[in-house]
Amino acid sequence: LPKGTPGTDPNDRLIGIGPGGAGYVNDAECLKTTVLGKAKRYGT
């Protein structure tokens, strides 16, 4: 990934994008499970 402005500084990280990895998104499943798990903990 060529830099827009060449040069280095102490905070320069070589990795500009990534690391990437394969997988699937489970946001809906986790949110539903969490809500159901907390819903009955405190009675009425």
All heavy atoms as atom14 arrays in JSON, in Angstrom:
{
  "sequence": "LPKGTPGTDPNDRLIGIGPGGAGYVNDAECLKTTVLGKAKRYGT",
  "atom14_mask": [
    [1, 1, 1, 1, 1, 1, 1, 1, 0, 0, 0, 0, 0, 0],
    [1, 1, 1, 1, 1, 1, 1, 0, 0, 0, 0, 0, 0, 0],
    [1, 1, 1, 1, 1, 1, 1, 1, 1, 0, 0, 0, 0, 0],
    [1, 1, 1, 1, 0, 0, 0, 0, 0, 0, 0, 0, 0, 0],
    [1, 1, 1, 1, 1, 1, 1, 0, 0, 0, 0, 0, 0, 0],
    [1, 1, 1, 1, 1, 1, 1, 0, 0, 0, 0, 0, 0, 0],
    [1, 1, 1, 1, 0, 0, 0, 0, 0, 0, 0, 0, 0, 0],
    [1, 1, 1, 1, 1, 1, 1, 0, 0, 0, 0, 0, 0, 0],
    [1, 1, 1, 1, 1, 1, 1, 1, 0, 0, 0, 0, 0, 0],
    [1, 1, 1, 1, 1, 1, 1, 0, 0, 0, 0, 0, 0, 0],
    [1, 1, 1, 1, 1, 1, 1, 1, 0, 0, 0, 0, 0, 0],
    [1, 1, 1, 1, 1, 1, 1, 1, 0, 0, 0, 0, 0, 0],
    [1, 1, 1, 1, 1, 1, 1, 1, 1, 1, 1, 0, 0, 0],
    [1, 1, 1, 1, 1, 1, 1, 1, 0, 0, 0, 0, 0, 0],
    [1, 1, 1, 1, 1, 1, 1, 1, 0, 0, 0, 0, 0, 0],
    [1, 1, 1, 1, 0, 0, 0, 0, 0, 0, 0, 0, 0, 0],
    [1, 1, 1, 1, 1, 1, 1, 1, 0, 0, 0, 0, 0, 0],
    [1, 1, 1, 1, 0, 0, 0, 0, 0, 0, 0, 0, 0, 0],
    [1, 1, 1, 1, 1, 1, 1, 0, 0, 0, 0, 0, 0, 0],
    [1, 1, 1, 1, 0, 0, 0, 0, 0, 0, 0, 0, 0, 0],
    [1, 1, 1, 1, 0, 0, 0, 0, 0, 0, 0, 0, 0, 0],
    [1, 1, 1, 1, 1, 0, 0, 0, 0, 0, 0, 0, 0, 0],
    [1, 1, 1, 1, 0, 0, 0, 0, 0, 0, 0, 0, 0, 0],
    [1, 1, 1, 1, 1, 1, 1, 1, 1, 1, 1, 1, 0, 0],
    [1, 1, 1, 1, 1, 1, 1, 0, 0, 0, 0, 0, 0, 0],
    [1, 1, 1, 1, 1, 1, 1, 1, 0, 0, 0, 0, 0, 0],
    [1, 1, 1, 1, 1, 1, 1, 1, 0, 0, 0, 0, 0, 0],
    [1, 1, 1, 1, 1, 0, 0, 0, 0, 0, 0, 0, 0, 0],
    [1, 1, 1, 1, 1, 1, 1, 1, 1, 0, 0, 0, 0, 0],
    [1, 1, 1, 1, 1, 1, 0, 0, 0, 0, 0, 0, 0, 0],
    [1, 1, 1, 1, 1, 1, 1, 1, 0, 0, 0, 0, 0, 0],
    [1, 1, 1, 1, 1, 1, 1, 1, 1, 0, 0, 0, 0, 0],
    [1, 1, 1, 1, 1, 1, 1, 0, 0, 0, 0, 0, 0, 0],
    [1, 1, 1, 1, 1, 1, 1, 0, 0, 0, 0, 0, 0, 0],
    [1, 1, 1, 1, 1, 1, 1, 0, 0, 0, 0, 0, 0, 0],
    [1, 1, 1, 1, 1, 1, 1, 1, 0, 0, 0, 0, 0, 0],
    [1, 1, 1, 1, 0, 0, 0, 0, 0, 0, 0, 0, 0, 0],
    [1, 1, 1, 1, 1, 1, 1, 1, 1, 0, 0, 0, 0, 0],
    [1, 1, 1, 1, 1, 0, 0, 0, 0, 0, 0, 0, 0, 0],
    [1, 1, 1, 1, 1, 1, 1, 1, 1, 0, 0, 0, 0, 0],
    [1, 1, 1, 1, 1, 1, 1, 1, 1, 1, 1, 0, 0, 0],
    [1, 1, 1, 1, 1, 1, 1, 1, 1, 1, 1, 1, 0, 0],
    [1, 1, 1, 1, 0, 0, 0, 0, 0, 0, 0, 0, 0, 0],
    [1, 1, 1, 1, 1, 1, 1, 0, 0, 0, 0, 0, 0, 0]
  ],
  "atom14_positions": [
    [[0.86, -1.18, 0.0], [0.0, 0.0, 0.0], [0.91, 1.23, 0.0], [1.42, 1.63, 1.05], [-0.9, 0.02, 1.24], [-1.8, -1.19, 1.48], [-2.51, -1.07, 2.83], [-2.81, -1.35, 0.36], [0.0, 0.0, 0.0], [0.0, 0.0, 0.0], [0.0, 0.0, 0.0], [0.0, 0.0, 0.0], [0.0, 0.0, 0.0], [0.0, 0.0, 0.0]],
    [[1.15, 1.85, -1.15], [2.05, 3.01, -1.19], [1.54, 4.15, -0.32], [0.34, 4.46, -0.32], [2.06, 3.4, -2.68], [1.62, 2.18, -3.41], [0.65, 1.49, -2.49], [0.0, 0.0, 0.0], [0.0, 0.0, 0.0], [0.0, 0.0, 0.0], [0.0, 0.0, 0.0], [0.0, 0.0, 0.0], [0.0, 0.0, 0.0], [0.0, 0.0, 0.0]],
    [[2.42, 4.77, 0.44], [2.05, 5.9, 1.29], [1.77, 7.12, 0.42], [2.43, 7.35, -0.59], [3.17, 6.22, 2.28], [3.39, 5.17, 3.34], [4.5, 5.62, 4.29], [4.74, 4.58, 5.37], [5.82, 5.0, 6.29], [0.0, 0.0, 0.0], [0.0, 0.0, 0.0], [0.0, 0.0, 0.0], [0.0, 0.0, 0.0], [0.0, 0.0, 0.0]],
    [[0.81, 7.93, 0.86], [0.56, 9.19, 0.17], [1.73, 10.13, 0.28], [2.1, 10.82, -0.68], [0.0, 0.0, 0.0], [0.0, 0.0, 0.0], [0.0, 0.0, 0.0], [0.0, 0.0, 0.0], [0.0, 0.0, 0.0], [0.0, 0.0, 0.0], [0.0, 0.0, 0.0], [0.0, 0.0, 0.0], [0.0, 0.0, 0.0], [0.0, 0.0, 0.0]],
    [[2.33, 10.17, 1.47], [3.51, 10.99, 1.71], [4.6, 10.09, 2.27], [4.44, 9.54, 3.36], [3.22, 12.12, 2.72], [2.13, 12.9, 2.21], [4.44, 13.0, 2.91], [0.0, 0.0, 0.0], [0.0, 0.0, 0.0], [0.0, 0.0, 0.0], [0.0, 0.0, 0.0], [0.0, 0.0, 0.0], [0.0, 0.0, 0.0], [0.0, 0.0, 0.0]],
    [[5.7, 9.92, 1.53], [6.77, 9.05, 2.03], [7.37, 9.57, 3.33], [7.36, 10.77, 3.62], [7.82, 9.09, 0.9], [7.07, 9.54, -0.3], [6.0, 10.46, 0.2], [0.0, 0.0, 0.0], [0.0, 0.0, 0.0], [0.0, 0.0, 0.0], [0.0, 0.0, 0.0], [0.0, 0.0, 0.0], [0.0, 0.0, 0.0], [0.0, 0.0, 0.0]],
    [[7.86, 8.64, 4.15], [8.5, 9.02, 5.41], [8.13, 8.06, 6.51], [7.22, 7.25, 6.37], [0.0, 0.0, 0.0], [0.0, 0.0, 0.0], [0.0, 0.0, 0.0], [0.0, 0.0, 0.0], [0.0, 0.0, 0.0], [0.0, 0.0, 0.0], [0.0, 0.0, 0.0], [0.0, 0.0, 0.0], [0.0, 0.0, 0.0], [0.0, 0.0, 0.0]],
    [[8.87, 8.13, 7.61], [8.59, 7.28, 8.77], [8.55, 8.12, 10.03], [9.13, 9.21, 10.09], [9.67, 6.19, 8.94], [10.94, 6.83, 9.12], [9.72, 5.28, 7.73], [0.0, 0.0, 0.0], [0.0, 0.0, 0.0], [0.0, 0.0, 0.0], [0.0, 0.0, 0.0], [0.0, 0.0, 0.0], [0.0, 0.0, 0.0], [0.0, 0.0, 0.0]],
    [[7.84, 7.63, 11.02], [7.87, 8.22, 12.35], [7.71, 7.09, 13.35], [7.34, 5.98, 12.97], [6.79, 9.31, 12.52], [5.39, 8.75, 12.5], [5.07, 7.92, 13.37], [4.59, 9.15, 11.63], [0.0, 0.0, 0.0], [0.0, 0.0, 0.0], [0.0, 0.0, 0.0], [0.0, 0.0, 0.0], [0.0, 0.0, 0.0], [0.0, 0.0, 0.0]],
    [[7.99, 7.34, 14.63], [7.98, 6.24, 15.61], [6.64, 5.53, 15.73], [6.58, 4.38, 16.14], [8.35, 6.94, 16.93], [9.1, 8.15, 16.52], [8.49, 8.6, 15.23], [0.0, 0.0, 0.0], [0.0, 0.0, 0.0], [0.0, 0.0, 0.0], [0.0, 0.0, 0.0], [0.0, 0.0, 0.0], [0.0, 0.0, 0.0], [0.0, 0.0, 0.0]],
    [[5.54, 6.2, 15.36], [4.23, 5.59, 15.48], [3.74, 4.96, 14.19], [2.6, 4.52, 14.09], [3.19, 6.63, 15.94], [2.87, 6.48, 17.42], [2.89, 5.37, 17.93], [2.61, 7.58, 18.09], [0.0, 0.0, 0.0], [0.0, 0.0, 0.0], [0.0, 0.0, 0.0], [0.0, 0.0, 0.0], [0.0, 0.0, 0.0], [0.0, 0.0, 0.0]],
    [[4.59, 4.92, 13.17], [4.21, 4.32, 11.9], [4.09, 2.8, 12.05], [5.04, 2.14, 12.45], [5.26, 4.63, 10.83], [4.71, 5.53, 9.75], [3.51, 5.86, 9.82], [5.47, 5.9, 8.84], [0.0, 0.0, 0.0], [0.0, 0.0, 0.0], [0.0, 0.0, 0.0], [0.0, 0.0, 0.0], [0.0, 0.0, 0.0], [0.0, 0.0, 0.0]],
    [[2.93, 2.27, 11.72], [2.74, 0.83, 11.69], [2.81, 0.36, 10.25], [2.24, 1.0, 9.35], [1.37, 0.45, 12.26], [1.2, 0.8, 13.73], [-0.17, 0.37, 14.19], [-0.34, 0.6, 15.61], [-1.39, 0.14, 16.3], [-2.32, -0.55, 15.7], [-1.49, 0.37, 17.59], [0.0, 0.0, 0.0], [0.0, 0.0, 0.0], [0.0, 0.0, 0.0]],
    [[3.48, -0.74, 10.02], [3.58, -1.24, 8.66], [2.22, -1.72, 8.16], [1.87, -1.52, 7.0], [4.61, -2.37, 8.58], [4.89, -2.85, 7.15], [5.65, -1.79, 6.36], [5.67, -4.15, 7.14], [0.0, 0.0, 0.0], [0.0, 0.0, 0.0], [0.0, 0.0, 0.0], [0.0, 0.0, 0.0], [0.0, 0.0, 0.0], [0.0, 0.0, 0.0]],
    [[1.45, -2.36, 9.04], [0.15, -2.91, 8.62], [-0.87, -1.78, 8.54], [-1.23, -1.18, 9.54], [-0.33, -4.0, 9.58], [0.68, -5.14, 9.63], [-1.69, -4.53, 9.14], [0.39, -6.17, 10.7], [0.0, 0.0, 0.0], [0.0, 0.0, 0.0], [0.0, 0.0, 0.0], [0.0, 0.0, 0.0], [0.0, 0.0, 0.0], [0.0, 0.0, 0.0]],
    [[-1.31, -1.49, 7.31], [-2.32, -0.45, 7.13], [-3.73, -1.02, 7.13], [-4.68, -0.36, 7.55], [0.0, 0.0, 0.0], [0.0, 0.0, 0.0], [0.0, 0.0, 0.0], [0.0, 0.0, 0.0], [0.0, 0.0, 0.0], [0.0, 0.0, 0.0], [0.0, 0.0, 0.0], [0.0, 0.0, 0.0], [0.0, 0.0, 0.0], [0.0, 0.0, 0.0]],
    [[-3.88, -2.26, 6.64], [-5.19, -2.93, 6.59], [-4.99, -4.38, 7.03], [-4.08, -5.05, 6.57], [-5.79, -2.91, 5.17], [-5.96, -1.47, 4.67], [-7.13, -3.63, 5.15], [-6.45, -1.38, 3.24], [0.0, 0.0, 0.0], [0.0, 0.0, 0.0], [0.0, 0.0, 0.0], [0.0, 0.0, 0.0], [0.0, 0.0, 0.0], [0.0, 0.0, 0.0]],
    [[-5.85, -4.85, 7.88], [-5.79, -6.26, 8.3], [-5.36, -6.4, 9.75], [-5.24, -5.41, 10.47], [0.0, 0.0, 0.0], [0.0, 0.0, 0.0], [0.0, 0.0, 0.0], [0.0, 0.0, 0.0], [0.0, 0.0, 0.0], [0.0, 0.0, 0.0], [0.0, 0.0, 0.0], [0.0, 0.0, 0.0], [0.0, 0.0, 0.0], [0.0, 0.0, 0.0]],
    [[-5.15, -7.64, 10.19], [-5.19, -8.87, 9.4], [-6.6, -9.33, 9.12], [-7.46, -9.28, 9.99], [-4.46, -9.88, 10.28], [-4.68, -9.38, 11.67], [-4.74, -7.88, 11.58], [0.0, 0.0, 0.0], [0.0, 0.0, 0.0], [0.0, 0.0, 0.0], [0.0, 0.0, 0.0], [0.0, 0.0, 0.0], [0.0, 0.0, 0.0], [0.0, 0.0, 0.0]],
    [[-6.83, -9.77, 7.88], [-8.13, -10.3, 7.51], [-8.22, -11.77, 7.86], [-7.22, -12.45, 8.06], [0.0, 0.0, 0.0], [0.0, 0.0, 0.0], [0.0, 0.0, 0.0], [0.0, 0.0, 0.0], [0.0, 0.0, 0.0], [0.0, 0.0, 0.0], [0.0, 0.0, 0.0], [0.0, 0.0, 0.0], [0.0, 0.0, 0.0], [0.0, 0.0, 0.0]],
    [[-9.45, -12.26, 7.94], [-9.69, -13.68, 8.21], [-11.1, -14.06, 7.8], [-11.98, -13.22, 7.75], [0.0, 0.0, 0.0], [0.0, 0.0, 0.0], [0.0, 0.0, 0.0], [0.0, 0.0, 0.0], [0.0, 0.0, 0.0], [0.0, 0.0, 0.0], [0.0, 0.0, 0.0], [0.0, 0.0, 0.0], [0.0, 0.0, 0.0], [0.0, 0.0, 0.0]],
    [[-11.31, -15.3, 7.5], [-12.63, -15.76, 7.09], [-13.47, -16.08, 8.31], [-12.96, -16.38, 9.39], [-12.51, -16.99, 6.2], [0.0, 0.0, 0.0], [0.0, 0.0, 0.0], [0.0, 0.0, 0.0], [0.0, 0.0, 0.0], [0.0, 0.0, 0.0], [0.0, 0.0, 0.0], [0.0, 0.0, 0.0], [0.0, 0.0, 0.0], [0.0, 0.0, 0.0]],
    [[-14.78, -16.05, 8.15], [-15.67, -16.38, 9.25], [-17.09, -15.94, 8.95], [-17.4, -15.52, 7.85], [0.0, 0.0, 0.0], [0.0, 0.0, 0.0], [0.0, 0.0, 0.0], [0.0, 0.0, 0.0], [0.0, 0.0, 0.0], [0.0, 0.0, 0.0], [0.0, 0.0, 0.0], [0.0, 0.0, 0.0], [0.0, 0.0, 0.0], [0.0, 0.0, 0.0]],
    [[-17.96, -16.03, 9.94], [-19.34, -15.6, 9.74], [-19.71, -14.68, 10.9], [-19.11, -14.7, 11.97], [-20.29, -16.79, 9.68], [-20.35, -17.62, 10.94], [-21.3, -17.36, 11.92], [-19.46, -18.67, 11.15], [-21.36, -18.12, 13.08], [-19.51, -19.44, 12.3], [-20.46, -19.16, 13.26], [-20.51, -19.91, 14.39], [0.0, 0.0, 0.0], [0.0, 0.0, 0.0]],
    [[-20.71, -13.82, 10.66], [-21.12, -12.83, 11.65], [-22.23, -13.42, 12.51], [-23.21, -13.96, 11.99], [-21.6, -11.55, 10.96], [-22.05, -10.52, 11.98], [-20.49, -10.97, 10.09], [0.0, 0.0, 0.0], [0.0, 0.0, 0.0], [0.0, 0.0, 0.0], [0.0, 0.0, 0.0], [0.0, 0.0, 0.0], [0.0, 0.0, 0.0], [0.0, 0.0, 0.0]],
    [[-22.1, -13.31, 13.83], [-23.1, -13.9, 14.72], [-23.71, -12.86, 15.66], [-24.11, -13.19, 16.77], [-22.48, -15.05, 15.53], [-21.5, -14.55, 16.57], [-20.96, -13.45, 16.46], [-21.26, -15.34, 17.59], [0.0, 0.0, 0.0], [0.0, 0.0, 0.0], [0.0, 0.0, 0.0], [0.0, 0.0, 0.0], [0.0, 0.0, 0.0], [0.0, 0.0, 0.0]],
    [[-23.8, -11.59, 15.23], [-24.33, -10.54, 16.09], [-25.75, -10.82, 16.55], [-26.08, -10.67, 17.73], [-24.28, -9.19, 15.36], [-22.87, -8.68, 15.17], [-21.99, -9.1, 15.94], [-22.64, -7.88, 14.26], [0.0, 0.0, 0.0], [0.0, 0.0, 0.0], [0.0, 0.0, 0.0], [0.0, 0.0, 0.0], [0.0, 0.0, 0.0], [0.0, 0.0, 0.0]],
    [[-26.64, -11.18, 15.61], [-28.04, -11.4, 15.97], [-28.18, -12.55, 16.97], [-28.91, -12.45, 17.95], [-28.86, -11.69, 14.71], [0.0, 0.0, 0.0], [0.0, 0.0, 0.0], [0.0, 0.0, 0.0], [0.0, 0.0, 0.0], [0.0, 0.0, 0.0], [0.0, 0.0, 0.0], [0.0, 0.0, 0.0], [0.0, 0.0, 0.0], [0.0, 0.0, 0.0]],
    [[-27.47, -13.63, 16.72], [-27.54, -14.8, 17.61], [-27.07, -14.44, 19.02], [-27.7, -14.82, 20.01], [-26.68, -15.91, 17.02], [-26.61, -17.17, 17.88], [-25.61, -18.18, 17.33], [-25.23, -18.07, 16.15], [-25.21, -19.06, 18.1], [0.0, 0.0, 0.0], [0.0, 0.0, 0.0], [0.0, 0.0, 0.0], [0.0, 0.0, 0.0], [0.0, 0.0, 0.0]],
    [[-25.94, -13.73, 19.11], [-25.41, -13.38, 20.43], [-26.34, -12.42, 21.17], [-26.54, -12.55, 22.38], [-24.03, -12.74, 20.27], [-22.71, -13.94, 20.04], [0.0, 0.0, 0.0], [0.0, 0.0, 0.0], [0.0, 0.0, 0.0], [0.0, 0.0, 0.0], [0.0, 0.0, 0.0], [0.0, 0.0, 0.0], [0.0, 0.0, 0.0], [0.0, 0.0, 0.0]],
    [[-26.9, -11.44, 20.45], [-27.8, -10.49, 21.1], [-29.05, -11.19, 21.63], [-29.47, -10.96, 22.77], [-28.18, -9.39, 20.1], [-29.13, -8.31, 20.61], [-28.57, -7.62, 21.85], [-29.43, -7.29, 19.52], [0.0, 0.0, 0.0], [0.0, 0.0, 0.0], [0.0, 0.0, 0.0], [0.0, 0.0, 0.0], [0.0, 0.0, 0.0], [0.0, 0.0, 0.0]],
    [[-29.63, -12.06, 20.82], [-30.82, -12.78, 21.25], [-30.53, -13.65, 22.46], [-31.29, -13.65, 23.45], [-31.35, -13.64, 20.1], [-32.58, -14.47, 20.45], [-33.03, -15.29, 19.25], [-34.19, -16.21, 19.61], [-34.66, -17.0, 18.45], [0.0, 0.0, 0.0], [0.0, 0.0, 0.0], [0.0, 0.0, 0.0], [0.0, 0.0, 0.0], [0.0, 0.0, 0.0]],
    [[-29.44, -14.4, 22.42], [-29.08, -15.28, 23.53], [-28.85, -14.48, 24.81], [-29.27, -14.88, 25.91], [-27.81, -16.08, 23.18], [-28.07, -16.86, 22.01], [-27.41, -17.0, 24.32], [0.0, 0.0, 0.0], [0.0, 0.0, 0.0], [0.0, 0.0, 0.0], [0.0, 0.0, 0.0], [0.0, 0.0, 0.0], [0.0, 0.0, 0.0], [0.0, 0.0, 0.0]],
    [[-28.2, -13.33, 24.68], [-27.91, -12.49, 25.85], [-29.19, -11.96, 26.48], [-29.37, -12.01, 27.7], [-27.01, -11.32, 25.43], [-25.76, -11.84, 24.97], [-26.77, -10.38, 26.61], [0.0, 0.0, 0.0], [0.0, 0.0, 0.0], [0.0, 0.0, 0.0], [0.0, 0.0, 0.0], [0.0, 0.0, 0.0], [0.0, 0.0, 0.0], [0.0, 0.0, 0.0]],
    [[-30.1, -11.46, 25.65], [-31.35, -10.91, 26.18], [-32.17, -12.0, 26.86], [-32.7, -11.8, 27.96], [-32.15, -10.24, 25.04], [-33.55, -9.85, 25.51], [-31.4, -9.01, 24.52], [0.0, 0.0, 0.0], [0.0, 0.0, 0.0], [0.0, 0.0, 0.0], [0.0, 0.0, 0.0], [0.0, 0.0, 0.0], [0.0, 0.0, 0.0], [0.0, 0.0, 0.0]],
    [[-32.27, -13.16, 26.21], [-33.02, -14.26, 26.83], [-32.4, -14.71, 28.14], [-33.09, -15.06, 29.09], [-33.11, -15.44, 25.85], [-34.02, -15.23, 24.63], [-33.88, -16.4, 23.66], [-35.47, -15.09, 25.07], [0.0, 0.0, 0.0], [0.0, 0.0, 0.0], [0.0, 0.0, 0.0], [0.0, 0.0, 0.0], [0.0, 0.0, 0.0], [0.0, 0.0, 0.0]],
    [[-31.07, -14.71, 28.19], [-30.39, -15.15, 29.4], [-30.6, -14.23, 30.58], [-30.59, -14.67, 31.75], [0.0, 0.0, 0.0], [0.0, 0.0, 0.0], [0.0, 0.0, 0.0], [0.0, 0.0, 0.0], [0.0, 0.0, 0.0], [0.0, 0.0, 0.0], [0.0, 0.0, 0.0], [0.0, 0.0, 0.0], [0.0, 0.0, 0.0], [0.0, 0.0, 0.0]],
    [[-30.79, -12.93, 30.31], [-30.97, -11.96, 31.39], [-32.44, -11.73, 31.74], [-32.74, -11.21, 32.82], [-30.34, -10.62, 30.99], [-28.83, -10.65, 30.8], [-28.12, -10.88, 32.12], [-26.61, -10.83, 31.96], [-25.9, -11.03, 33.25], [0.0, 0.0, 0.0], [0.0, 0.0, 0.0], [0.0, 0.0, 0.0], [0.0, 0.0, 0.0], [0.0, 0.0, 0.0]],
    [[-33.34, -12.09, 30.85], [-34.75, -11.7, 30.99], [-35.41, -12.27, 32.24], [-36.27, -11.61, 32.86], [-35.53, -12.13, 29.75], [0.0, 0.0, 0.0], [0.0, 0.0, 0.0], [0.0, 0.0, 0.0], [0.0, 0.0, 0.0], [0.0, 0.0, 0.0], [0.0, 0.0, 0.0], [0.0, 0.0, 0.0], [0.0, 0.0, 0.0], [0.0, 0.0, 0.0]],
    [[-35.04, -13.49, 32.66], [-35.75, -14.17, 33.75], [-34.96, -14.2, 35.05], [-35.37, -14.87, 36.0], [-36.06, -15.61, 33.33], [-36.94, -15.73, 32.09], [-38.35, -15.23, 32.34], [-39.26, -15.49, 31.14], [-40.62, -14.99, 31.37], [0.0, 0.0, 0.0], [0.0, 0.0, 0.0], [0.0, 0.0, 0.0], [0.0, 0.0, 0.0], [0.0, 0.0, 0.0]],
    [[-33.86, -13.47, 35.1], [-32.97, -13.6, 36.27], [-33.52, -12.93, 37.53], [-33.12, -13.28, 38.64], [-31.6, -12.98, 35.95], [-30.74, -13.85, 35.06], [-29.46, -13.12, 34.7], [-28.7, -12.69, 35.86], [-27.85, -13.46, 36.54], [-27.67, -14.72, 36.17], [-27.18, -12.98, 37.57], [0.0, 0.0, 0.0], [0.0, 0.0, 0.0], [0.0, 0.0, 0.0]],
    [[-34.43, -11.98, 37.39], [-34.8, -11.16, 38.54], [-36.26, -11.28, 38.95], [-36.77, -10.46, 39.72], [-34.46, -9.69, 38.24], [-33.06, -9.55, 37.72], [-32.81, -9.16, 36.41], [-31.97, -9.86, 38.54], [-31.51, -9.08, 35.93], [-30.67, -9.78, 38.06], [-30.46, -9.39, 36.75], [-29.17, -9.31, 36.27], [0.0, 0.0, 0.0], [0.0, 0.0, 0.0]],
    [[-36.95, -12.29, 38.42], [-38.33, -12.47, 38.79], [-39.2, -11.34, 38.28], [-38.91, -10.71, 37.26], [0.0, 0.0, 0.0], [0.0, 0.0, 0.0], [0.0, 0.0, 0.0], [0.0, 0.0, 0.0], [0.0, 0.0, 0.0], [0.0, 0.0, 0.0], [0.0, 0.0, 0.0], [0.0, 0.0, 0.0], [0.0, 0.0, 0.0], [0.0, 0.0, 0.0]],
    [[-40.27, -11.05, 39.0], [-41.19, -9.96, 38.63], [-40.74, -8.69, 39.33], [-40.79, -8.58, 40.55], [-42.64, -10.31, 39.03], [-43.02, -11.53, 38.39], [-43.58, -9.19, 38.61], [0.0, 0.0, 0.0], [0.0, 0.0, 0.0], [0.0, 0.0, 0.0], [0.0, 0.0, 0.0], [0.0, 0.0, 0.0], [0.0, 0.0, 0.0], [0.0, 0.0, 0.0]]
  ]
}
